[in-house]
């Protein structure tokens, strides 16, 4: 909690530090730290799994959203662009490597599903 205001949520920097600690910790260290805090690691893990399963079930029950394909397409396009830049390839080089037309890489034409497969 924020030491300045009782009951206030933690400061963002405290949350980032805790997140970093949790993500970087080995499983044994994390389990020991949770148990030492007085919490039951197994119960906490069970509760986390239950929350995750409920969220997955809720998404599955709601069915596909109309804009889902568009959002996924945009995300995939962004990922391909970022990876292309990371490998220092221009769109023509990526198209040649994937064996597709450069217009598919540039997004000027809808990409054939084989384009996505050939990138893998």
PDB file of N, CA and C in Angstrom:
ATOM      1  N   UNK A   1       0.824  -1.195   0.000  1.00  0.00           N
ATOM      2  CA  UNK A   1       0.000   0.000   0.000  1.00  0.00           C
ATOM      3  C   UNK A   1       0.858   1.243   0.000  1.00  0.00           C
ATOM      4  N   UNK A   2       0.265   2.316  -0.426  1.00  0.00           N
ATOM      5  CA  UNK A   2       0.941   3.597  -0.428  1.00  0.00           C
ATOM      6  C   UNK A   2       1.105   4.058   1.026  1.00  0.00           C
ATOM      7  N   UNK A   3       2.345   4.292   1.423  1.00  0.00           N
ATOM      8  CA  UNK A   3       2.622   4.670   2.820  1.00  0.00           C
ATOM      9  C   UNK A   3       2.045   6.038   3.161  1.00  0.00           C
ATOM     10  N   UNK A   4       1.824   6.870   2.157  1.00  0.00           N
ATOM     11  CA  UNK A   4       1.318   8.215   2.406  1.00  0.00           C
ATOM     12  C   UNK A   4      -0.170   8.238   2.702  1.00  0.00           C
ATOM     13  N   UNK A   5      -0.907   7.289   2.185  1.00  0.00           N
ATOM     14  CA  UNK A   5      -2.355   7.278   2.358  1.00  0.00           C
ATOM     15  C   UNK A   5      -2.787   5.865   2.728  1.00  0.00           C
ATOM     16  N   UNK A   6      -3.204   5.660   3.951  1.00  0.00           N
ATOM     17  CA  UNK A   6      -3.655   4.320   4.342  1.00  0.00           C
ATOM     18  C   UNK A   6      -4.830   3.872   3.462  1.00  0.00           C
ATOM     19  N   UNK A   7      -4.766   2.637   2.991  1.00  0.00           N
ATOM     20  CA  UNK A   7      -5.837   2.097   2.160  1.00  0.00           C
ATOM     21  C   UNK A   7      -5.707   2.444   0.679  1.00  0.00           C
ATOM     22  N   UNK A   8      -4.758   3.308   0.343  1.00  0.00           N
ATOM     23  CA  UNK A   8      -4.571   3.694  -1.059  1.00  0.00           C
ATOM     24  C   UNK A   8      -3.848   2.572  -1.805  1.00  0.00           C
ATOM     25  N   UNK A   9      -4.114   2.457  -3.103  1.00  0.00           N
ATOM     26  CA  UNK A   9      -3.414   1.420  -3.871  1.00  0.00           C
ATOM     27  C   UNK A   9      -1.923   1.717  -3.961  1.00  0.00           C
ATOM     28  N   UNK A  10      -1.121   0.693  -4.230  1.00  0.00           N
ATOM     29  CA  UNK A  10       0.325   0.911  -4.336  1.00  0.00           C
ATOM     30  C   UNK A  10       0.666   1.880  -5.461  1.00  0.00           C
ATOM     31  N   UNK A  11       1.788   2.547  -5.296  1.00  0.00           N
ATOM     32  CA  UNK A  11       2.283   3.440  -6.341  1.00  0.00           C
ATOM     33  C   UNK A  11       2.648   2.613  -7.579  1.00  0.00           C
ATOM     34  N   UNK A  12       2.528   3.177  -8.794  1.00  0.00           N
ATOM     35  CA  UNK A  12       2.887   2.429  -9.999  1.00  0.00           C
ATOM     36  C   UNK A  12       4.306   1.873  -9.974  1.00  0.00           C
ATOM     37  N   UNK A  13       5.260   2.618  -9.402  1.00  0.00           N
ATOM     38  CA  UNK A  13       6.637   2.118  -9.361  1.00  0.00           C
ATOM     39  C   UNK A  13       6.736   0.890  -8.463  1.00  0.00           C
ATOM     40  N   UNK A  14       5.950   0.849  -7.396  1.00  0.00           N
ATOM     41  CA  UNK A  14       5.927  -0.326  -6.527  1.00  0.00           C
ATOM     42  C   UNK A  14       5.362  -1.523  -7.265  1.00  0.00           C
ATOM     43  N   UNK A  15       4.330  -1.281  -8.061  1.00  0.00           N
ATOM     44  CA  UNK A  15       3.731  -2.368  -8.842  1.00  0.00           C
ATOM     45  C   UNK A  15       4.722  -2.904  -9.868  1.00  0.00           C
ATOM     46  N   UNK A  16       5.452  -2.005 -10.521  1.00  0.00           N
ATOM     47  CA  UNK A  16       6.444  -2.436 -11.516  1.00  0.00           C
ATOM     48  C   UNK A  16       7.549  -3.251 -10.850  1.00  0.00           C
ATOM     49  N   UNK A  17       7.976  -2.823  -9.679  1.00  0.00           N
ATOM     50  CA  UNK A  17       9.027  -3.558  -8.963  1.00  0.00           C
ATOM     51  C   UNK A  17       8.526  -4.944  -8.571  1.00  0.00           C
ATOM     52  N   UNK A  18       7.298  -5.022  -8.081  1.00  0.00           N
ATOM     53  CA  UNK A  18       6.734  -6.313  -7.695  1.00  0.00           C
ATOM     54  C   UNK A  18       6.579  -7.208  -8.923  1.00  0.00           C
ATOM     55  N   UNK A  19       6.085  -6.642 -10.019  1.00  0.00           N
ATOM     56  CA  UNK A  19       5.929  -7.410 -11.248  1.00  0.00           C
ATOM     57  C   UNK A  19       7.271  -7.951 -11.714  1.00  0.00           C
ATOM     58  N   UNK A  20       8.288  -7.131 -11.680  1.00  0.00           N
ATOM     59  CA  UNK A  20       9.623  -7.561 -12.083  1.00  0.00           C
ATOM     60  C   UNK A  20      10.123  -8.684 -11.186  1.00  0.00           C
ATOM     61  N   UNK A  21       9.903  -8.544  -9.886  1.00  0.00           N
ATOM     62  CA  UNK A  21      10.320  -9.570  -8.938  1.00  0.00           C
ATOM     63  C   UNK A  21       9.626 -10.897  -9.244  1.00  0.00           C
ATOM     64  N   UNK A  22       8.326 -10.844  -9.468  1.00  0.00           N
ATOM     65  CA  UNK A  22       7.558 -12.062  -9.727  1.00  0.00           C
ATOM     66  C   UNK A  22       7.977 -12.705 -11.038  1.00  0.00           C
ATOM     67  N   UNK A  23       8.153 -11.904 -12.068  1.00  0.00           N
ATOM     68  CA  UNK A  23       8.498 -12.459 -13.373  1.00  0.00           C
ATOM     69  C   UNK A  23       9.915 -13.006 -13.422  1.00  0.00           C
ATOM     70  N   UNK A  24      10.813 -12.414 -12.654  1.00  0.00           N
ATOM     71  CA  UNK A  24      12.217 -12.837 -12.685  1.00  0.00           C
ATOM     72  C   UNK A  24      12.545 -13.935 -11.687  1.00  0.00           C
ATOM     73  N   UNK A  25      11.681 -14.153 -10.715  1.00  0.00           N
ATOM     74  CA  UNK A  25      11.977 -15.119  -9.661  1.00  0.00           C
ATOM     75  C   UNK A  25      11.852 -16.555 -10.167  1.00  0.00           C
ATOM     76  N   UNK A  26      12.710 -17.416  -9.627  1.00  0.00           N
ATOM     77  CA  UNK A  26      12.571 -18.843  -9.901  1.00  0.00           C
ATOM     78  C   UNK A  26      11.330 -19.339  -9.164  1.00  0.00           C
ATOM     79  N   UNK A  27      10.746 -20.430  -9.621  1.00  0.00           N
ATOM     80  CA  UNK A  27       9.528 -20.958  -9.010  1.00  0.00           C
ATOM     81  C   UNK A  27       9.686 -21.194  -7.513  1.00  0.00           C
ATOM     82  N   UNK A  28      10.837 -21.782  -7.127  1.00  0.00           N
ATOM     83  CA  UNK A  28      11.056 -22.089  -5.715  1.00  0.00           C
ATOM     84  C   UNK A  28      11.116 -20.809  -4.881  1.00  0.00           C
ATOM     85  N   UNK A  29      11.789 -19.782  -5.405  1.00  0.00           N
ATOM     86  CA  UNK A  29      11.906 -18.515  -4.678  1.00  0.00           C
ATOM     87  C   UNK A  29      10.536 -17.875  -4.499  1.00  0.00           C
ATOM     88  N   UNK A  30       9.745 -17.917  -5.551  1.00  0.00           N
ATOM     89  CA  UNK A  30       8.425 -17.313  -5.496  1.00  0.00           C
ATOM     90  C   UNK A  30       7.531 -18.059  -4.507  1.00  0.00           C
ATOM     91  N   UNK A  31       7.570 -19.378  -4.549  1.00  0.00           N
ATOM     92  CA  UNK A  31       6.770 -20.165  -3.614  1.00  0.00           C
ATOM     93  C   UNK A  31       7.193 -19.888  -2.176  1.00  0.00           C
ATOM     94  N   UNK A  32       8.501 -19.845  -1.921  1.00  0.00           N
ATOM     95  CA  UNK A  32       8.999 -19.556  -0.571  1.00  0.00           C
ATOM     96  C   UNK A  32       8.553 -18.176  -0.101  1.00  0.00           C
ATOM     97  N   UNK A  33       8.664 -17.184  -0.965  1.00  0.00           N
ATOM     98  CA  UNK A  33       8.282 -15.812  -0.589  1.00  0.00           C
ATOM     99  C   UNK A  33       6.795 -15.732  -0.272  1.00  0.00           C
ATOM    100  N   UNK A  34       5.976 -16.403  -1.059  1.00  0.00           N
ATOM    101  CA  UNK A  34       4.532 -16.379  -0.805  1.00  0.00           C
ATOM    102  C   UNK A  34       4.211 -17.083   0.498  1.00  0.00           C
ATOM    103  N   UNK A  35       4.816 -18.250   0.712  1.00  0.00           N
ATOM    104  CA  UNK A  35       4.570 -18.988   1.956  1.00  0.00           C
ATOM    105  C   UNK A  35       5.059 -18.208   3.168  1.00  0.00           C
ATOM    106  N   UNK A  36       6.210 -17.534   3.060  1.00  0.00           N
ATOM    107  CA  UNK A  36       6.737 -16.739   4.170  1.00  0.00           C
ATOM    108  C   UNK A  36       5.844 -15.545   4.495  1.00  0.00           C
ATOM    109  N   UNK A  37       5.106 -15.068   3.507  1.00  0.00           N
ATOM    110  CA  UNK A  37       4.208 -13.937   3.753  1.00  0.00           C
ATOM    111  C   UNK A  37       2.961 -14.349   4.512  1.00  0.00           C
ATOM    112  N   UNK A  38       2.791 -15.671   4.682  1.00  0.00           N
ATOM    113  CA  UNK A  38       1.619 -16.157   5.404  1.00  0.00           C
ATOM    114  C   UNK A  38       0.519 -16.629   4.473  1.00  0.00           C
ATOM    115  N   UNK A  39       0.685 -16.429   3.176  1.00  0.00           N
ATOM    116  CA  UNK A  39      -0.310 -16.887   2.211  1.00  0.00           C
ATOM    117  C   UNK A  39      -0.029 -18.347   1.866  1.00  0.00           C
ATOM    118  N   UNK A  40      -1.045 -19.031   1.431  1.00  0.00           N
ATOM    119  CA  UNK A  40      -0.912 -20.427   1.034  1.00  0.00           C
ATOM    120  C   UNK A  40      -0.669 -20.468  -0.469  1.00  0.00           C
ATOM    121  N   UNK A  41       0.533 -20.868  -0.881  1.00  0.00           N
ATOM    122  CA  UNK A  41       0.907 -20.881  -2.290  1.00  0.00           C
ATOM    123  C   UNK A  41      -0.053 -21.736  -3.114  1.00  0.00           C
ATOM    124  N   UNK A  42      -0.375 -22.912  -2.622  1.00  0.00           N
ATOM    125  CA  UNK A  42      -1.261 -23.820  -3.365  1.00  0.00           C
ATOM    126  C   UNK A  42      -2.645 -23.220  -3.551  1.00  0.00           C
ATOM    127  N   UNK A  43      -3.166 -22.609  -2.496  1.00  0.00           N
ATOM    128  CA  UNK A  43      -4.490 -21.980  -2.595  1.00  0.00           C
ATOM    129  C   UNK A  43      -4.459 -20.802  -3.568  1.00  0.00           C
ATOM    130  N   UNK A  44      -3.389 -20.031  -3.515  1.00  0.00           N
ATOM    131  CA  UNK A  44      -3.242 -18.896  -4.425  1.00  0.00           C
ATOM    132  C   UNK A  44      -3.146 -19.366  -5.869  1.00  0.00           C
ATOM    133  N   UNK A  45      -2.371 -20.433  -6.106  1.00  0.00           N
ATOM    134  CA  UNK A  45      -2.246 -20.987  -7.455  1.00  0.00           C
ATOM    135  C   UNK A  45      -3.586 -21.518  -7.945  1.00  0.00           C
ATOM    136  N   UNK A  46      -4.333 -22.185  -7.062  1.00  0.00           N
ATOM    137  CA  UNK A  46      -5.653 -22.711  -7.431  1.00  0.00           C
ATOM    138  C   UNK A  46      -6.604 -21.565  -7.786  1.00  0.00           C
ATOM    139  N   UNK A  47      -6.586 -20.505  -6.985  1.00  0.00           N
ATOM    140  CA  UNK A  47      -7.448 -19.351  -7.254  1.00  0.00           C
ATOM    141  C   UNK A  47      -7.077 -18.686  -8.582  1.00  0.00           C
ATOM    142  N   UNK A  48      -5.778 -18.546  -8.844  1.00  0.00           N
ATOM    143  CA  UNK A  48      -5.333 -17.943 -10.104  1.00  0.00           C
ATOM    144  C   UNK A  48      -5.791 -18.781 -11.290  1.00  0.00           C
ATOM    145  N   UNK A  49      -5.662 -20.110 -11.173  1.00  0.00           N
ATOM    146  CA  UNK A  49      -6.100 -20.991 -12.251  1.00  0.00           C
ATOM    147  C   UNK A  49      -7.614 -20.863 -12.468  1.00  0.00           C
ATOM    148  N   UNK A  50      -8.375 -20.779 -11.382  1.00  0.00           N
ATOM    149  CA  UNK A  50      -9.831 -20.642 -11.481  1.00  0.00           C
ATOM    150  C   UNK A  50     -10.217 -19.346 -12.192  1.00  0.00           C
ATOM    151  N   UNK A  51      -9.533 -18.273 -11.864  1.00  0.00           N
ATOM    152  CA  UNK A  51      -9.804 -16.981 -12.505  1.00  0.00           C
ATOM    153  C   UNK A  51      -9.484 -17.054 -13.996  1.00  0.00           C
ATOM    154  N   UNK A  52      -8.350 -17.651 -14.329  1.00  0.00           N
ATOM    155  CA  UNK A  52      -7.961 -17.777 -15.733  1.00  0.00           C
ATOM    156  C   UNK A  52      -8.960 -18.635 -16.496  1.00  0.00           C
ATOM    157  N   UNK A  53      -9.360 -19.759 -15.915  1.00  0.00           N
ATOM    158  CA  UNK A  53     -10.320 -20.641 -16.581  1.00  0.00           C
ATOM    159  C   UNK A  53     -11.668 -19.946 -16.765  1.00  0.00           C
ATOM    160  N   UNK A  54     -12.103 -19.175 -15.776  1.00  0.00           N
ATOM    161  CA  UNK A  54     -13.364 -18.442 -15.897  1.00  0.00           C
ATOM    162  C   UNK A  54     -13.286 -17.397 -17.003  1.00  0.00           C
ATOM    163  N   UNK A  55     -12.149 -16.714 -17.115  1.00  0.00           N
ATOM    164  CA  UNK A  55     -11.979 -15.709 -18.173  1.00  0.00           C
ATOM    165  C   UNK A  55     -11.998 -16.366 -19.549  1.00  0.00           C
ATOM    166  N   UNK A  56     -11.322 -17.500 -19.672  1.00  0.00           N
ATOM    167  CA  UNK A  56     -11.304 -18.224 -20.954  1.00  0.00           C
ATOM    168  C   UNK A  56     -12.709 -18.688 -21.313  1.00  0.00           C
ATOM    169  N   UNK A  57     -13.446 -19.223 -20.331  1.00  0.00           N
ATOM    170  CA  UNK A  57     -14.813 -19.686 -20.580  1.00  0.00           C
ATOM    171  C   UNK A  57     -15.719 -18.527 -20.987  1.00  0.00           C
ATOM    172  N   UNK A  58     -15.538 -17.385 -20.353  1.00  0.00           N
ATOM    173  CA  UNK A  58     -16.354 -16.214 -20.683  1.00  0.00           C
ATOM    174  C   UNK A  58     -16.112 -15.756 -22.119  1.00  0.00           C
ATOM    175  N   UNK A  59     -14.860 -15.732 -22.516  1.00  0.00           N
ATOM    176  CA  UNK A  59     -14.533 -15.336 -23.889  1.00  0.00           C
ATOM    177  C   UNK A  59     -15.082 -16.352 -24.876  1.00  0.00           C
ATOM    178  N   UNK A  60     -14.937 -17.637 -24.566  1.00  0.00           N
ATOM    179  CA  UNK A  60     -15.421 -18.685 -25.455  1.00  0.00           C
ATOM    180  C   UNK A  60     -16.943 -18.633 -25.590  1.00  0.00           C
ATOM    181  N   UNK A  61     -17.651 -18.357 -24.491  1.00  0.00           N
ATOM    182  CA  UNK A  61     -19.108 -18.317 -24.509  1.00  0.00           C
ATOM    183  C   UNK A  61     -19.647 -17.111 -25.255  1.00  0.00           C
ATOM    184  N   UNK A  62     -18.888 -16.032 -25.284  1.00  0.00           N
ATOM    185  CA  UNK A  62     -19.378 -14.815 -25.937  1.00  0.00           C
ATOM    186  C   UNK A  62     -19.327 -14.926 -27.452  1.00  0.00           C
ATOM    187  N   UNK A  63     -18.608 -15.927 -27.964  1.00  0.00           N
ATOM    188  CA  UNK A  63     -18.521 -16.114 -29.410  1.00  0.00           C
ATOM    189  C   UNK A  63     -17.607 -15.087 -30.045  1.00  0.00           C
ATOM    190  N   UNK A  64     -17.352 -15.265 -31.338  1.00  0.00           N
ATOM    191  CA  UNK A  64     -16.439 -14.335 -32.017  1.00  0.00           C
ATOM    192  C   UNK A  64     -17.061 -12.946 -32.154  1.00  0.00           C
ATOM    193  N   UNK A  65     -16.236 -11.945 -31.973  1.00  0.00           N
ATOM    194  CA  UNK A  65     -16.677 -10.566 -32.169  1.00  0.00           C
ATOM    195  C   UNK A  65     -16.568 -10.236 -33.654  1.00  0.00           C
ATOM    196  N   UNK A  66     -17.407  -9.318 -34.101  1.00  0.00           N
ATOM    197  CA  UNK A  66     -17.392  -8.945 -35.511  1.00  0.00           C
ATOM    198  C   UNK A  66     -16.060  -8.344 -35.924  1.00  0.00           C
ATOM    199  N   UNK A  67     -15.444  -7.577 -35.028  1.00  0.00           N
ATOM    200  CA  UNK A  67     -14.198  -6.902 -35.371  1.00  0.00           C
ATOM    201  C   UNK A  67     -12.962  -7.730 -35.031  1.00  0.00           C
ATOM    202  N   UNK A  68     -13.167  -8.957 -34.546  1.00  0.00           N
ATOM    203  CA  UNK A  68     -12.042  -9.773 -34.104  1.00  0.00           C
ATOM    204  C   UNK A  68     -11.042 -10.042 -35.225  1.00  0.00           C
ATOM    205  N   UNK A  69     -11.529 -10.401 -36.402  1.00  0.00           N
ATOM    206  CA  UNK A  69     -10.629 -10.698 -37.519  1.00  0.00           C
ATOM    207  C   UNK A  69      -9.820  -9.459 -37.897  1.00  0.00           C
ATOM    208  N   UNK A  70     -10.467  -8.310 -37.885  1.00  0.00           N
ATOM    209  CA  UNK A  70      -9.768  -7.068 -38.228  1.00  0.00           C
ATOM    210  C   UNK A  70      -8.686  -6.749 -37.199  1.00  0.00           C
ATOM    211  N   UNK A  71      -9.003  -6.928 -35.935  1.00  0.00           N
ATOM    212  CA  UNK A  71      -8.040  -6.653 -34.868  1.00  0.00           C
ATOM    213  C   UNK A  71      -6.861  -7.620 -34.972  1.00  0.00           C
ATOM    214  N   UNK A  72      -7.149  -8.907 -35.191  1.00  0.00           N
ATOM    215  CA  UNK A  72      -6.081  -9.898 -35.322  1.00  0.00           C
ATOM    216  C   UNK A  72      -5.213  -9.612 -36.547  1.00  0.00           C
ATOM    217  N   UNK A  73      -5.842  -9.213 -37.647  1.00  0.00           N
ATOM    218  CA  UNK A  73      -5.100  -8.887 -38.860  1.00  0.00           C
ATOM    219  C   UNK A  73      -4.164  -7.704 -38.617  1.00  0.00           C
ATOM    220  N   UNK A  74      -4.672  -6.697 -37.940  1.00  0.00           N
ATOM    221  CA  UNK A  74      -3.861  -5.517 -37.627  1.00  0.00           C
ATOM    222  C   UNK A  74      -2.687  -5.905 -36.734  1.00  0.00           C
ATOM    223  N   UNK A  75      -2.955  -6.719 -35.714  1.00  0.00           N
ATOM    224  CA  UNK A  75      -1.892  -7.162 -34.817  1.00  0.00           C
ATOM    225  C   UNK A  75      -0.845  -7.995 -35.522  1.00  0.00           C
ATOM    226  N   UNK A  76      -1.284  -8.903 -36.386  1.00  0.00           N
ATOM    227  CA  UNK A  76      -0.341  -9.732 -37.125  1.00  0.00           C
ATOM    228  C   UNK A  76       0.501  -8.876 -38.065  1.00  0.00           C
ATOM    229  N   UNK A  77      -0.141  -7.917 -38.725  1.00  0.00           N
ATOM    230  CA  UNK A  77       0.596  -7.027 -39.619  1.00  0.00           C
ATOM    231  C   UNK A  77       1.659  -6.234 -38.876  1.00  0.00           C
ATOM    232  N   UNK A  78       1.316  -5.765 -37.687  1.00  0.00           N
ATOM    233  CA  UNK A  78       2.272  -5.019 -36.868  1.00  0.00           C
ATOM    234  C   UNK A  78       3.432  -5.914 -36.450  1.00  0.00           C
ATOM    235  N   UNK A  79       3.122  -7.140 -36.056  1.00  0.00           N
ATOM    236  CA  UNK A  79       4.163  -8.084 -35.660  1.00  0.00           C
ATOM    237  C   UNK A  79       5.099  -8.382 -36.829  1.00  0.00           C
ATOM    238  N   UNK A  80       4.550  -8.617 -38.012  1.00  0.00           N
ATOM    239  CA  UNK A  80       5.379  -8.899 -39.190  1.00  0.00           C
ATOM    240  C   UNK A  80       6.284  -7.710 -39.497  1.00  0.00           C
ATOM    241  N   UNK A  81       5.726  -6.498 -39.412  1.00  0.00           N
ATOM    242  CA  UNK A  81       6.533  -5.291 -39.673  1.00  0.00           C
ATOM    243  C   UNK A  81       7.670  -5.167 -38.672  1.00  0.00           C
ATOM    244  N   UNK A  82       7.370  -5.397 -37.399  1.00  0.00           N
ATOM    245  CA  UNK A  82       8.398  -5.277 -36.366  1.00  0.00           C
ATOM    246  C   UNK A  82       9.503  -6.322 -36.558  1.00  0.00           C
ATOM    247  N   UNK A  83       9.105  -7.542 -36.862  1.00  0.00           N
ATOM    248  CA  UNK A  83      10.104  -8.593 -37.075  1.00  0.00           C
ATOM    249  C   UNK A  83      10.919  -8.327 -38.345  1.00  0.00           C
ATOM    250  N   UNK A  84      10.262  -7.805 -39.371  1.00  0.00           N
ATOM    251  CA  UNK A  84      10.973  -7.474 -40.609  1.00  0.00           C
ATOM    252  C   UNK A  84      12.023  -6.409 -40.332  1.00  0.00           C
ATOM    253  N   UNK A  85      11.648  -5.394 -39.559  1.00  0.00           N
ATOM    254  CA  UNK A  85      12.599  -4.323 -39.236  1.00  0.00           C
ATOM    255  C   UNK A  85      13.729  -4.837 -38.353  1.00  0.00           C
ATOM    256  N   UNK A  86      13.394  -5.722 -37.422  1.00  0.00           N
ATOM    257  CA  UNK A  86      14.412  -6.278 -36.542  1.00  0.00           C
ATOM    258  C   UNK A  86      15.468  -7.026 -37.355  1.00  0.00           C
ATOM    259  N   UNK A  87      15.033  -7.716 -38.399  1.00  0.00           N
ATOM    260  CA  UNK A  87      15.968  -8.467 -39.240  1.00  0.00           C
ATOM    261  C   UNK A  87      16.556  -7.604 -40.357  1.00  0.00           C
ATOM    262  N   UNK A  88      16.188  -6.304 -40.325  1.00  0.00           N
ATOM    263  CA  UNK A  88      16.702  -5.336 -41.292  1.00  0.00           C
ATOM    264  C   UNK A  88      16.407  -5.749 -42.736  1.00  0.00           C
ATOM    265  N   UNK A  89      15.162  -6.180 -42.964  1.00  0.00           N
ATOM    266  CA  UNK A  89      14.713  -6.544 -44.301  1.00  0.00           C
ATOM    267  C   UNK A  89      13.773  -5.469 -44.810  1.00  0.00           C
ATOM    268  N   UNK A  90      13.882  -5.136 -46.091  1.00  0.00           N
ATOM    269  CA  UNK A  90      12.875  -4.256 -46.661  1.00  0.00           C
ATOM    270  C   UNK A  90      11.720  -5.147 -47.134  1.00  0.00           C
ATOM    271  N   UNK A  91      10.550  -4.571 -47.458  1.00  0.00           N
ATOM    272  CA  UNK A  91       9.397  -5.384 -47.845  1.00  0.00           C
ATOM    273  C   UNK A  91       9.684  -6.327 -49.020  1.00  0.00           C
ATOM    274  N   UNK A  92      10.478  -5.879 -49.992  1.00  0.00           N
ATOM    275  CA  UNK A  92      10.794  -6.722 -51.144  1.00  0.00           C
ATOM    276  C   UNK A  92      11.614  -7.940 -50.723  1.00  0.00           C
ATOM    277  N   UNK A  93      12.582  -7.741 -49.823  1.00  0.00           N
ATOM    278  CA  UNK A  93      13.390  -8.872 -49.343  1.00  0.00           C
ATOM    279  C   UNK A  93      12.528  -9.885 -48.587  1.00  0.00           C
ATOM    280  N   UNK A  94      11.598  -9.389 -47.761  1.00  0.00           N
ATOM    281  CA  UNK A  94      10.710 -10.292 -47.034  1.00  0.00           C
ATOM    282  C   UNK A  94       9.813 -11.047 -48.003  1.00  0.00           C
ATOM    283  N   UNK A  95       9.277 -10.355 -48.992  1.00  0.00           N
ATOM    284  CA  UNK A  95       8.412 -11.005 -49.982  1.00  0.00           C
ATOM    285  C   UNK A  95       9.176 -12.096 -50.726  1.00  0.00           C
ATOM    286  N   UNK A  96      10.414 -11.797 -51.123  1.00  0.00           N
ATOM    287  CA  UNK A  96      11.231 -12.807 -51.808  1.00  0.00           C
ATOM    288  C   UNK A  96      11.491 -14.003 -50.903  1.00  0.00           C
ATOM    289  N   UNK A  97      11.839 -13.741 -49.649  1.00  0.00           N
ATOM    290  CA  UNK A  97      12.135 -14.827 -48.710  1.00  0.00           C
ATOM    291  C   UNK A  97      10.904 -15.688 -48.443  1.00  0.00           C
ATOM    292  N   UNK A  98       9.720 -15.061 -48.401  1.00  0.00           N
ATOM    293  CA  UNK A  98       8.482 -15.790 -48.122  1.00  0.00           C
ATOM    294  C   UNK A  98       7.860 -16.367 -49.390  1.00  0.00           C
ATOM    295  N   UNK A  99       8.358 -15.937 -50.553  1.00  0.00           N
ATOM    296  CA  UNK A  99       7.805 -16.437 -51.809  1.00  0.00           C
ATOM    297  C   UNK A  99       6.418 -15.891 -52.109  1.00  0.00           C
ATOM    298  N   UNK A 100       6.195 -14.631 -51.747  1.00  0.00           N
ATOM    299  CA  UNK A 100       4.897 -13.994 -51.999  1.00  0.00           C
ATOM    300  C   UNK A 100       5.104 -12.677 -52.732  1.00  0.00           C
ATOM    301  N   UNK A 101       3.994 -12.108 -53.160  1.00  0.00           N
ATOM    302  CA  UNK A 101       4.038 -10.823 -53.845  1.00  0.00           C
ATOM    303  C   UNK A 101       4.274  -9.707 -52.821  1.00  0.00           C
ATOM    304  N   UNK A 102       5.062  -8.715 -53.178  1.00  0.00           N
ATOM    305  CA  UNK A 102       5.389  -7.621 -52.265  1.00  0.00           C
ATOM    306  C   UNK A 102       4.136  -6.867 -51.817  1.00  0.00           C
ATOM    307  N   UNK A 103       3.074  -6.861 -52.630  1.00  0.00           N
ATOM    308  CA  UNK A 103       1.838  -6.166 -52.234  1.00  0.00           C
ATOM    309  C   UNK A 103       1.193  -6.822 -51.012  1.00  0.00           C
ATOM    310  N   UNK A 104       1.408  -8.128 -50.828  1.00  0.00           N
ATOM    311  CA  UNK A 104       0.892  -8.796 -49.637  1.00  0.00           C
ATOM    312  C   UNK A 104       1.656  -8.327 -48.403  1.00  0.00           C
ATOM    313  N   UNK A 105       2.962  -8.139 -48.545  1.00  0.00           N
ATOM    314  CA  UNK A 105       3.783  -7.673 -47.428  1.00  0.00           C
ATOM    315  C   UNK A 105       3.419  -6.241 -47.077  1.00  0.00           C
ATOM    316  N   UNK A 106       3.176  -5.417 -48.066  1.00  0.00           N
ATOM    317  CA  UNK A 106       2.855  -4.006 -47.840  1.00  0.00           C
ATOM    318  C   UNK A 106       1.418  -3.791 -47.390  1.00  0.00           C
ATOM    319  N   UNK A 107       0.593  -4.856 -47.415  1.00  0.00           N
ATOM    320  CA  UNK A 107      -0.794  -4.728 -46.995  1.00  0.00           C
ATOM    321  C   UNK A 107      -1.698  -4.123 -48.035  1.00  0.00           C
ATOM    322  N   UNK A 108      -1.215  -3.979 -49.276  1.00  0.00           N
ATOM    323  CA  UNK A 108      -2.043  -3.398 -50.325  1.00  0.00           C
ATOM    324  C   UNK A 108      -2.979  -4.436 -50.931  1.00  0.00           C
ATOM    325  N   UNK A 109      -2.717  -5.691 -50.614  1.00  0.00           N
ATOM    326  CA  UNK A 109      -3.569  -6.775 -51.076  1.00  0.00           C
ATOM    327  C   UNK A 109      -3.699  -7.745 -49.914  1.00  0.00           C
ATOM    328  N   UNK A 110      -4.882  -8.319 -49.777  1.00  0.00           N
ATOM    329  CA  UNK A 110      -5.107  -9.261 -48.682  1.00  0.00           C
ATOM    330  C   UNK A 110      -4.140 -10.426 -48.800  1.00  0.00           C
ATOM    331  N   UNK A 111      -3.476 -10.720 -47.713  1.00  0.00           N
ATOM    332  CA  UNK A 111      -2.463 -11.771 -47.719  1.00  0.00           C
ATOM    333  C   UNK A 111      -3.105 -13.146 -47.816  1.00  0.00           C
ATOM    334  N   UNK A 112      -2.545 -13.957 -48.644  1.00  0.00           N
ATOM    335  CA  UNK A 112      -2.943 -15.345 -48.765  1.00  0.00           C
ATOM    336  C   UNK A 112      -2.548 -16.043 -47.467  1.00  0.00           C
ATOM    337  N   UNK A 113      -3.393 -16.964 -46.954  1.00  0.00           N
ATOM    338  CA  UNK A 113      -3.018 -17.667 -45.711  1.00  0.00           C
ATOM    339  C   UNK A 113      -1.659 -18.363 -45.819  1.00  0.00           C
ATOM    340  N   UNK A 114      -1.236 -18.763 -46.989  1.00  0.00           N
ATOM    341  CA  UNK A 114       0.068 -19.399 -47.149  1.00  0.00           C
ATOM    342  C   UNK A 114       1.210 -18.414 -46.854  1.00  0.00           C
ATOM    343  N   UNK A 115       0.944 -17.107 -47.034  1.00  0.00           N
ATOM    344  CA  UNK A 115       1.948 -16.084 -46.702  1.00  0.00           C
ATOM    345  C   UNK A 115       2.285 -16.180 -45.220  1.00  0.00           C
ATOM    346  N   UNK A 116       1.252 -16.252 -44.396  1.00  0.00           N
ATOM    347  CA  UNK A 116       1.480 -16.339 -42.953  1.00  0.00           C
ATOM    348  C   UNK A 116       2.221 -17.629 -42.617  1.00  0.00           C
ATOM    349  N   UNK A 117       1.854 -18.717 -43.289  1.00  0.00           N
ATOM    350  CA  UNK A 117       2.510 -20.001 -43.042  1.00  0.00           C
ATOM    351  C   UNK A 117       3.980 -19.941 -43.457  1.00  0.00           C
ATOM    352  N   UNK A 118       4.255 -19.299 -44.594  1.00  0.00           N
ATOM    353  CA  UNK A 118       5.621 -19.267 -45.102  1.00  0.00           C
ATOM    354  C   UNK A 118       6.542 -18.403 -44.241  1.00  0.00           C
ATOM    355  N   UNK A 119       5.962 -17.532 -43.414  1.00  0.00           N
ATOM    356  CA  UNK A 119       6.778 -16.712 -42.513  1.00  0.00           C
ATOM    357  C   UNK A 119       7.255 -17.501 -41.313  1.00  0.00           C
ATOM    358  N   UNK A 120       6.524 -18.560 -40.969  1.00  0.00           N
ATOM    359  CA  UNK A 120       6.852 -19.346 -39.787  1.00  0.00           C
ATOM    360  C   UNK A 120       8.136 -20.066 -39.960  1.00  0.00           C
TER     361      UNK A 120
END
